[in-house]
Amino acid sequence: MRLRDFGAPDQGSSGSSGFAGIIGLRRNKLLFTLPGPNFAQESAHGEKALPLWGIGGMCAPGESWQAAAQRHGEADTGCEVSLFSSRETYYLNVKSDIFAVEIDDVPAPGLLYAAAYRPPDNAYGDLQTVYGVEYFAHVRGTPRPGADVAALIALPQPLLVAAAQQALTLDNLRQAGAELFANPDCAPLDPAAIVAPLGTPHFMLQVLDAGHWWQVLSLADLPVL
């Protein structure tokens, strides 16, 4: 499979929705973003929760998946970002079915997905499909959140799993070993705010729950950078 054939025709053009991002690895921890409190949503446990999101954004017209992931990764982290091929690539469709796929492109992404969403500027509009491509990437240096990010957080894989299974606060995560890199231009996040994996982290957990990525996400086997 070639990535240029994945998703909507002429991916990134007007009318199509393509999200390219990175699953950032920094010192054997996974790096994600936290938005401001205005983005709080109801979690699976019923509380208002701060979403734990991935690193990335929409493809520009004519931009390749790889170029978009690299661009957003550097902009969102303020660091040098090096994409590397995943040993396994999985596709998560709109029905939450998970398939292993062969990718001809190098580097090969770790995750492809198709998800239904409603555009934020049209709350009553029809559901649309967003196609996503997520690359594994080493993030070198001290993260500096981009303008649209309240903070970046680095956490071990077990903490990501735990955050999906129980209501954990930002303070809980930090006490358990997570590192927070706050945006000095944003108001400080409430340490008592509950954090819930959504978007890319949520899709990653579905793949992990299906028993995949055991090699790729054995973070202790990766070099510390």
C-alpha atoms as a PDB file:
ATOM      1  CA  MET A   1       0.000   0.000   0.000  1.00  0.00           C
ATOM      2  CA  ARG A   2       1.209   3.506  -0.836  1.00  0.00           C
ATOM      3  CA  LEU A   3       0.322   6.308   1.548  1.00  0.00           C
ATOM      4  CA  ARG A   4      -0.599   8.635  -1.282  1.00  0.00           C
ATOM      5  CA  ASP A   5      -3.521   6.288  -1.966  1.00  0.00           C
ATOM      6  CA  PHE A   6      -4.745   6.351   1.637  1.00  0.00           C
ATOM      7  CA  GLY A   7      -7.766   8.426   2.600  1.00  0.00           C
ATOM      8  CA  ALA A   8      -9.701  10.863   0.496  1.00  0.00           C
ATOM      9  CA  PRO A   9      -8.650  11.581  -3.109  1.00  0.00           C
ATOM     10  CA  ASP A  10      -6.141  14.422  -3.406  1.00  0.00           C
ATOM     11  CA  GLN A  11      -5.513  14.246   0.338  1.00  0.00           C
ATOM     12  CA  GLY A  12      -5.118  17.643   1.945  1.00  0.00           C
ATOM     13  CA  SER A  13      -7.057  19.492  -0.746  1.00  0.00           C
ATOM     14  CA  SER A  14     -10.142  21.570  -0.086  1.00  0.00           C
ATOM     15  CA  GLY A  15     -12.977  19.418   1.176  1.00  0.00           C
ATOM     16  CA  SER A  16     -10.834  16.504   2.388  1.00  0.00           C
ATOM     17  CA  SER A  17      -9.630  15.973   5.929  1.00  0.00           C
ATOM     18  CA  GLY A  18      -6.227  14.524   6.589  1.00  0.00           C
ATOM     19  CA  PHE A  19      -4.497  14.611   9.992  1.00  0.00           C
ATOM     20  CA  ALA A  20      -0.781  13.857  10.145  1.00  0.00           C
ATOM     21  CA  GLY A  21       1.015  13.522  13.432  1.00  0.00           C
ATOM     22  CA  ILE A  22       3.726  11.876  15.455  1.00  0.00           C
ATOM     23  CA  ILE A  23       3.786   9.470  18.365  1.00  0.00           C
ATOM     24  CA  GLY A  24       6.678  11.221  20.073  1.00  0.00           C
ATOM     25  CA  LEU A  25       9.263   9.264  22.059  1.00  0.00           C
ATOM     26  CA  ARG A  26      11.468  11.184  24.480  1.00  0.00           C
ATOM     27  CA  ARG A  27      13.732   9.413  26.959  1.00  0.00           C
ATOM     28  CA  ASN A  28      11.592   6.276  26.894  1.00  0.00           C
ATOM     29  CA  LYS A  29       8.375   8.211  27.472  1.00  0.00           C
ATOM     30  CA  LEU A  30       5.486   9.049  25.146  1.00  0.00           C
ATOM     31  CA  LEU A  31       4.971  12.743  24.441  1.00  0.00           C
ATOM     32  CA  PHE A  32       1.462  14.186  24.058  1.00  0.00           C
ATOM     33  CA  THR A  33      -0.260  17.572  24.207  1.00  0.00           C
ATOM     34  CA  LEU A  34      -2.660  19.113  26.714  1.00  0.00           C
ATOM     35  CA  PRO A  35      -4.952  21.972  25.652  1.00  0.00           C
ATOM     36  CA  GLY A  36      -6.312  24.683  27.927  1.00  0.00           C
ATOM     37  CA  PRO A  37      -9.254  24.183  30.303  1.00  0.00           C
ATOM     38  CA  ASN A  38     -11.678  25.578  27.696  1.00  0.00           C
ATOM     39  CA  PHE A  39     -11.343  22.225  25.914  1.00  0.00           C
ATOM     40  CA  ALA A  40     -12.458  20.153  28.919  1.00  0.00           C
ATOM     41  CA  GLN A  41     -14.820  17.321  27.946  1.00  0.00           C
ATOM     42  CA  GLU A  42     -16.770  14.642  29.747  1.00  0.00           C
ATOM     43  CA  SER A  43     -14.620  11.578  30.299  1.00  0.00           C
ATOM     44  CA  ALA A  44     -15.660   7.937  30.189  1.00  0.00           C
ATOM     45  CA  HIS A  45     -15.916   8.113  33.983  1.00  0.00           C
ATOM     46  CA  GLY A  46     -18.424  10.976  33.857  1.00  0.00           C
ATOM     47  CA  GLU A  47     -16.178  13.775  35.105  1.00  0.00           C
ATOM     48  CA  LYS A  48     -15.062  16.865  33.247  1.00  0.00           C
ATOM     49  CA  ALA A  49     -11.628  15.999  31.945  1.00  0.00           C
ATOM     50  CA  LEU A  50      -8.760  17.706  30.189  1.00  0.00           C
ATOM     51  CA  PRO A  51      -8.133  15.804  26.935  1.00  0.00           C
ATOM     52  CA  LEU A  52      -4.784  14.187  26.338  1.00  0.00           C
ATOM     53  CA  TRP A  53      -4.195  14.664  22.629  1.00  0.00           C
ATOM     54  CA  GLY A  54      -1.606  13.682  20.080  1.00  0.00           C
ATOM     55  CA  ILE A  55       0.934  15.883  18.338  1.00  0.00           C
ATOM     56  CA  GLY A  56      -0.009  16.898  14.820  1.00  0.00           C
ATOM     57  CA  GLY A  57      -2.442  18.764  12.618  1.00  0.00           C
ATOM     58  CA  MET A  58      -4.147  18.935   9.247  1.00  0.00           C
ATOM     59  CA  CYS A  59      -2.301  18.469   5.967  1.00  0.00           C
ATOM     60  CA  ALA A  60      -1.897  21.543   3.813  1.00  0.00           C
ATOM     61  CA  PRO A  61      -3.081  21.342   0.161  1.00  0.00           C
ATOM     62  CA  GLY A  62      -0.665  19.135  -1.774  1.00  0.00           C
ATOM     63  CA  GLU A  63       1.415  18.305   1.309  1.00  0.00           C
ATOM     64  CA  SER A  64       2.518  14.707   1.876  1.00  0.00           C
ATOM     65  CA  TRP A  65       1.676  12.823   5.052  1.00  0.00           C
ATOM     66  CA  GLN A  66       5.344  12.662   6.026  1.00  0.00           C
ATOM     67  CA  ALA A  67       5.989  16.358   5.424  1.00  0.00           C
ATOM     68  CA  ALA A  68       2.901  17.356   7.415  1.00  0.00           C
ATOM     69  CA  ALA A  69       3.844  15.106  10.338  1.00  0.00           C
ATOM     70  CA  GLN A  70       7.371  16.525  10.381  1.00  0.00           C
ATOM     71  CA  ARG A  71       6.105  20.110  10.201  1.00  0.00           C
ATOM     72  CA  HIS A  72       3.528  19.750  12.953  1.00  0.00           C
ATOM     73  CA  GLY A  73       5.858  17.705  15.133  1.00  0.00           C
ATOM     74  CA  GLU A  74       8.525  20.403  15.101  1.00  0.00           C
ATOM     75  CA  ALA A  75       6.027  23.251  15.538  1.00  0.00           C
ATOM     76  CA  ASP A  76       4.201  21.605  18.449  1.00  0.00           C
ATOM     77  CA  THR A  77       7.318  20.517  20.354  1.00  0.00           C
ATOM     78  CA  GLY A  78       9.914  23.150  19.470  1.00  0.00           C
ATOM     79  CA  CYS A  79      12.402  20.282  19.102  1.00  0.00           C
ATOM     80  CA  GLU A  80      14.252  18.319  16.486  1.00  0.00           C
ATOM     81  CA  VAL A  81      11.938  15.515  15.372  1.00  0.00           C
ATOM     82  CA  SER A  82      13.215  12.379  13.638  1.00  0.00           C
ATOM     83  CA  LEU A  83      10.612  10.066  12.114  1.00  0.00           C
ATOM     84  CA  PHE A  84      11.462   6.376  12.027  1.00  0.00           C
ATOM     85  CA  SER A  85       9.787   3.335  10.499  1.00  0.00           C
ATOM     86  CA  SER A  86       7.464   1.309  12.658  1.00  0.00           C
ATOM     87  CA  ARG A  87       8.065  -2.439  12.559  1.00  0.00           C
ATOM     88  CA  GLU A  88       4.308  -2.863  12.230  1.00  0.00           C
ATOM     89  CA  THR A  89       1.589  -0.610  10.791  1.00  0.00           C
ATOM     90  CA  TYR A  90      -2.043  -0.922  11.841  1.00  0.00           C
ATOM     91  CA  TYR A  91      -5.188   0.544  10.354  1.00  0.00           C
ATOM     92  CA  LEU A  92      -8.127   1.398  12.626  1.00  0.00           C
ATOM     93  CA  ASN A  93     -11.310   1.946  10.632  1.00  0.00           C
ATOM     94  CA  VAL A  94     -14.494   3.813  11.549  1.00  0.00           C
ATOM     95  CA  LYS A  95     -15.954   0.573  12.956  1.00  0.00           C
ATOM     96  CA  SER A  96     -12.937   0.204  15.286  1.00  0.00           C
ATOM     97  CA  ASP A  97     -11.741  -2.866  13.378  1.00  0.00           C
ATOM     98  CA  ILE A  98      -7.945  -3.202  13.449  1.00  0.00           C
ATOM     99  CA  PHE A  99      -5.941  -4.549  10.512  1.00  0.00           C
ATOM    100  CA  ALA A 100      -2.217  -5.010   9.946  1.00  0.00           C
ATOM    101  CA  VAL A 101      -1.219  -3.361   6.653  1.00  0.00           C
ATOM    102  CA  GLU A 102       1.910  -3.393   4.514  1.00  0.00           C
ATOM    103  CA  ILE A 103       3.240   0.080   3.678  1.00  0.00           C
ATOM    104  CA  ASP A 104       5.666   0.692   0.813  1.00  0.00           C
ATOM    105  CA  ASP A 105       6.693   4.155   2.010  1.00  0.00           C
ATOM    106  CA  VAL A 106       9.767   4.769   4.166  1.00  0.00           C
ATOM    107  CA  PRO A 107       9.506   5.672   6.960  1.00  0.00           C
ATOM    108  CA  ALA A 108       6.427   3.518   7.537  1.00  0.00           C
ATOM    109  CA  PRO A 109       3.899   4.976  10.001  1.00  0.00           C
ATOM    110  CA  GLY A 110       2.735   3.060  13.054  1.00  0.00           C
ATOM    111  CA  LEU A 111      -0.941   3.922  12.750  1.00  0.00           C
ATOM    112  CA  LEU A 112      -3.498   4.756  10.086  1.00  0.00           C
ATOM    113  CA  TYR A 113      -7.057   5.537  11.080  1.00  0.00           C
ATOM    114  CA  ALA A 114     -10.397   6.700   9.768  1.00  0.00           C
ATOM    115  CA  ALA A 115     -12.660   8.399  12.297  1.00  0.00           C
ATOM    116  CA  ALA A 116     -16.050  10.085  12.082  1.00  0.00           C
ATOM    117  CA  TYR A 117     -16.192  13.650  13.347  1.00  0.00           C
ATOM    118  CA  ARG A 118     -18.359  16.731  13.176  1.00  0.00           C
ATOM    119  CA  PRO A 119     -16.587  19.972  12.188  1.00  0.00           C
ATOM    120  CA  PRO A 120     -16.329  22.294  15.221  1.00  0.00           C
ATOM    121  CA  ASP A 121     -17.764  25.217  13.231  1.00  0.00           C
ATOM    122  CA  ASN A 122     -20.933  23.269  12.364  1.00  0.00           C
ATOM    123  CA  ALA A 123     -22.304  21.544  15.472  1.00  0.00           C
ATOM    124  CA  TYR A 124     -25.426  20.351  13.646  1.00  0.00           C
ATOM    125  CA  GLY A 125     -23.775  19.350  10.400  1.00  0.00           C
ATOM    126  CA  ASP A 126     -23.293  15.873   8.983  1.00  0.00           C
ATOM    127  CA  LEU A 127     -20.561  13.644  10.292  1.00  0.00           C
ATOM    128  CA  GLN A 128     -17.444  13.642   8.147  1.00  0.00           C
ATOM    129  CA  THR A 129     -14.510  11.270   7.993  1.00  0.00           C
ATOM    130  CA  VAL A 130     -11.022  12.350   8.959  1.00  0.00           C
ATOM    131  CA  TYR A 131      -8.112  10.181   7.845  1.00  0.00           C
ATOM    132  CA  GLY A 132      -5.033  10.109  10.028  1.00  0.00           C
ATOM    133  CA  VAL A 133      -1.438   8.959   9.654  1.00  0.00           C
ATOM    134  CA  GLU A 134       0.748   8.725  12.767  1.00  0.00           C
ATOM    135  CA  TYR A 135       4.511   8.214  12.660  1.00  0.00           C
ATOM    136  CA  PHE A 136       6.769   7.151  15.484  1.00  0.00           C
ATOM    137  CA  ALA A 137       9.398   9.818  16.072  1.00  0.00           C
ATOM    138  CA  HIS A 138      12.274  10.592  18.406  1.00  0.00           C
ATOM    139  CA  VAL A 139      11.993  14.066  19.933  1.00  0.00           C
ATOM    140  CA  ARG A 140      15.371  15.519  20.846  1.00  0.00           C
ATOM    141  CA  GLY A 141      15.827  18.399  23.270  1.00  0.00           C
ATOM    142  CA  THR A 142      13.669  20.092  25.877  1.00  0.00           C
ATOM    143  CA  PRO A 143      10.089  20.383  24.602  1.00  0.00           C
ATOM    144  CA  ARG A 144       8.650  23.874  24.144  1.00  0.00           C
ATOM    145  CA  PRO A 145       4.882  23.819  23.541  1.00  0.00           C
ATOM    146  CA  GLY A 146       3.608  25.483  20.384  1.00  0.00           C
ATOM    147  CA  ALA A 147       1.294  28.486  20.440  1.00  0.00           C
ATOM    148  CA  ASP A 148      -1.907  26.422  20.461  1.00  0.00           C
ATOM    149  CA  VAL A 149      -0.790  24.012  23.202  1.00  0.00           C
ATOM    150  CA  ALA A 150      -1.114  24.686  26.954  1.00  0.00           C
ATOM    151  CA  ALA A 151       1.463  22.035  27.814  1.00  0.00           C
ATOM    152  CA  LEU A 152       3.294  18.972  26.606  1.00  0.00           C
ATOM    153  CA  ILE A 153       3.391  15.916  28.834  1.00  0.00           C
ATOM    154  CA  ALA A 154       5.735  12.930  28.662  1.00  0.00           C
ATOM    155  CA  LEU A 155       4.570   9.757  30.351  1.00  0.00           C
ATOM    156  CA  PRO A 156       5.552   6.088  30.398  1.00  0.00           C
ATOM    157  CA  GLN A 157       3.327   3.687  28.479  1.00  0.00           C
ATOM    158  CA  PRO A 158       1.807   2.176  31.687  1.00  0.00           C
ATOM    159  CA  LEU A 159       0.603   5.634  32.725  1.00  0.00           C
ATOM    160  CA  LEU A 160      -1.148   6.104  29.392  1.00  0.00           C
ATOM    161  CA  VAL A 161      -2.964   2.811  29.960  1.00  0.00           C
ATOM    162  CA  ALA A 162      -3.792   3.747  33.566  1.00  0.00           C
ATOM    163  CA  ALA A 163      -5.244   7.111  32.530  1.00  0.00           C
ATOM    164  CA  ALA A 164      -7.748   5.287  30.326  1.00  0.00           C
ATOM    165  CA  GLN A 165      -8.746   2.862  33.057  1.00  0.00           C
ATOM    166  CA  GLN A 166      -9.295   5.255  35.961  1.00  0.00           C
ATOM    167  CA  ALA A 167      -9.749   8.952  36.678  1.00  0.00           C
ATOM    168  CA  LEU A 168      -6.227  10.301  37.146  1.00  0.00           C
ATOM    169  CA  THR A 169      -5.422  13.947  37.744  1.00  0.00           C
ATOM    170  CA  LEU A 170      -2.536  15.878  36.310  1.00  0.00           C
ATOM    171  CA  ASP A 171      -0.941  15.770  39.762  1.00  0.00           C
ATOM    172  CA  ASN A 172      -1.442  11.974  39.936  1.00  0.00           C
ATOM    173  CA  LEU A 173       0.391  11.579  36.644  1.00  0.00           C
ATOM    174  CA  ARG A 174       3.294  13.797  37.683  1.00  0.00           C
ATOM    175  CA  GLN A 175       3.705  11.974  40.975  1.00  0.00           C
ATOM    176  CA  ALA A 176       3.813   8.693  39.037  1.00  0.00           C
ATOM    177  CA  GLY A 177       6.640   9.877  36.786  1.00  0.00           C
ATOM    178  CA  ALA A 178       5.115  12.037  34.058  1.00  0.00           C
ATOM    179  CA  GLU A 179       6.973  15.204  33.027  1.00  0.00           C
ATOM    180  CA  LEU A 180       5.072  18.409  32.256  1.00  0.00           C
ATOM    181  CA  PHE A 181       6.371  21.145  29.959  1.00  0.00           C
ATOM    182  CA  ALA A 182       4.085  24.143  30.368  1.00  0.00           C
ATOM    183  CA  ASN A 183       3.556  26.932  27.857  1.00  0.00           C
ATOM    184  CA  PRO A 184       4.591  30.127  29.680  1.00  0.00           C
ATOM    185  CA  ASP A 185       2.152  32.140  27.564  1.00  0.00           C
ATOM    186  CA  CYS A 186      -0.851  30.113  28.819  1.00  0.00           C
ATOM    187  CA  ALA A 187      -2.517  30.091  32.211  1.00  0.00           C
ATOM    188  CA  PRO A 188      -1.207  27.269  34.439  1.00  0.00           C
ATOM    189  CA  LEU A 189      -3.189  24.052  34.290  1.00  0.00           C
ATOM    190  CA  ASP A 190      -5.070  22.947  37.406  1.00  0.00           C
ATOM    191  CA  PRO A 191      -3.104  20.078  39.062  1.00  0.00           C
ATOM    192  CA  ALA A 192      -6.444  18.571  40.125  1.00  0.00           C
ATOM    193  CA  ALA A 193      -7.727  18.410  36.535  1.00  0.00           C
ATOM    194  CA  ILE A 194      -8.541  14.882  35.366  1.00  0.00           C
ATOM    195  CA  VAL A 195      -6.732  13.833  32.187  1.00  0.00           C
ATOM    196  CA  ALA A 196      -8.422  11.558  29.619  1.00  0.00           C
ATOM    197  CA  PRO A 197      -6.764  10.115  26.463  1.00  0.00           C
ATOM    198  CA  LEU A 198      -8.644  11.201  23.326  1.00  0.00           C
ATOM    199  CA  GLY A 199      -7.841  11.224  19.631  1.00  0.00           C
ATOM    200  CA  THR A 200      -4.435   9.712  18.848  1.00  0.00           C
ATOM    201  CA  PRO A 201      -3.745   8.374  22.380  1.00  0.00           C
ATOM    202  CA  HIS A 202      -7.193   6.764  22.416  1.00  0.00           C
ATOM    203  CA  PHE A 203      -6.582   5.118  19.042  1.00  0.00           C
ATOM    204  CA  MET A 204      -3.188   3.901  20.263  1.00  0.00           C
ATOM    205  CA  LEU A 205      -4.827   2.279  23.275  1.00  0.00           C
ATOM    206  CA  GLN A 206      -7.264   0.422  21.015  1.00  0.00           C
ATOM    207  CA  VAL A 207      -4.318  -1.050  19.110  1.00  0.00           C
ATOM    208  CA  LEU A 208      -2.555  -1.971  22.350  1.00  0.00           C
ATOM    209  CA  ASP A 209      -5.743  -3.553  23.708  1.00  0.00           C
ATOM    210  CA  ALA A 210      -5.849  -5.744  20.613  1.00  0.00           C
ATOM    211  CA  GLY A 211      -2.417  -7.090  21.526  1.00  0.00           C
ATOM    212  CA  HIS A 212      -0.416  -5.282  18.862  1.00  0.00           C
ATOM    213  CA  TRP A 213       2.700  -3.087  18.973  1.00  0.00           C
ATOM    214  CA  TRP A 214       4.232  -5.143  21.758  1.00  0.00           C
ATOM    215  CA  GLN A 215       7.620  -4.815  20.039  1.00  0.00           C
ATOM    216  CA  VAL A 216       7.395  -1.206  18.911  1.00  0.00           C
ATOM    217  CA  LEU A 217       6.100   0.135  22.213  1.00  0.00           C
ATOM    218  CA  SER A 218       8.524  -1.785  24.386  1.00  0.00           C
ATOM    219  CA  LEU A 219      10.127   1.572  25.120  1.00  0.00           C
ATOM    220  CA  ALA A 220      12.947   0.124  27.202  1.00  0.00           C
ATOM    221  CA  ASP A 221      14.368  -1.444  24.005  1.00  0.00           C
ATOM    222  CA  LEU A 222      14.676   1.936  22.297  1.00  0.00           C
ATOM    223  CA  PRO A 223      17.762   4.139  22.675  1.00  0.00           C
ATOM    224  CA  VAL A 224      17.552   6.975  25.198  1.00  0.00           C
ATOM    225  CA  LEU A 225      18.044  10.242  23.287  1.00  0.00           C
END
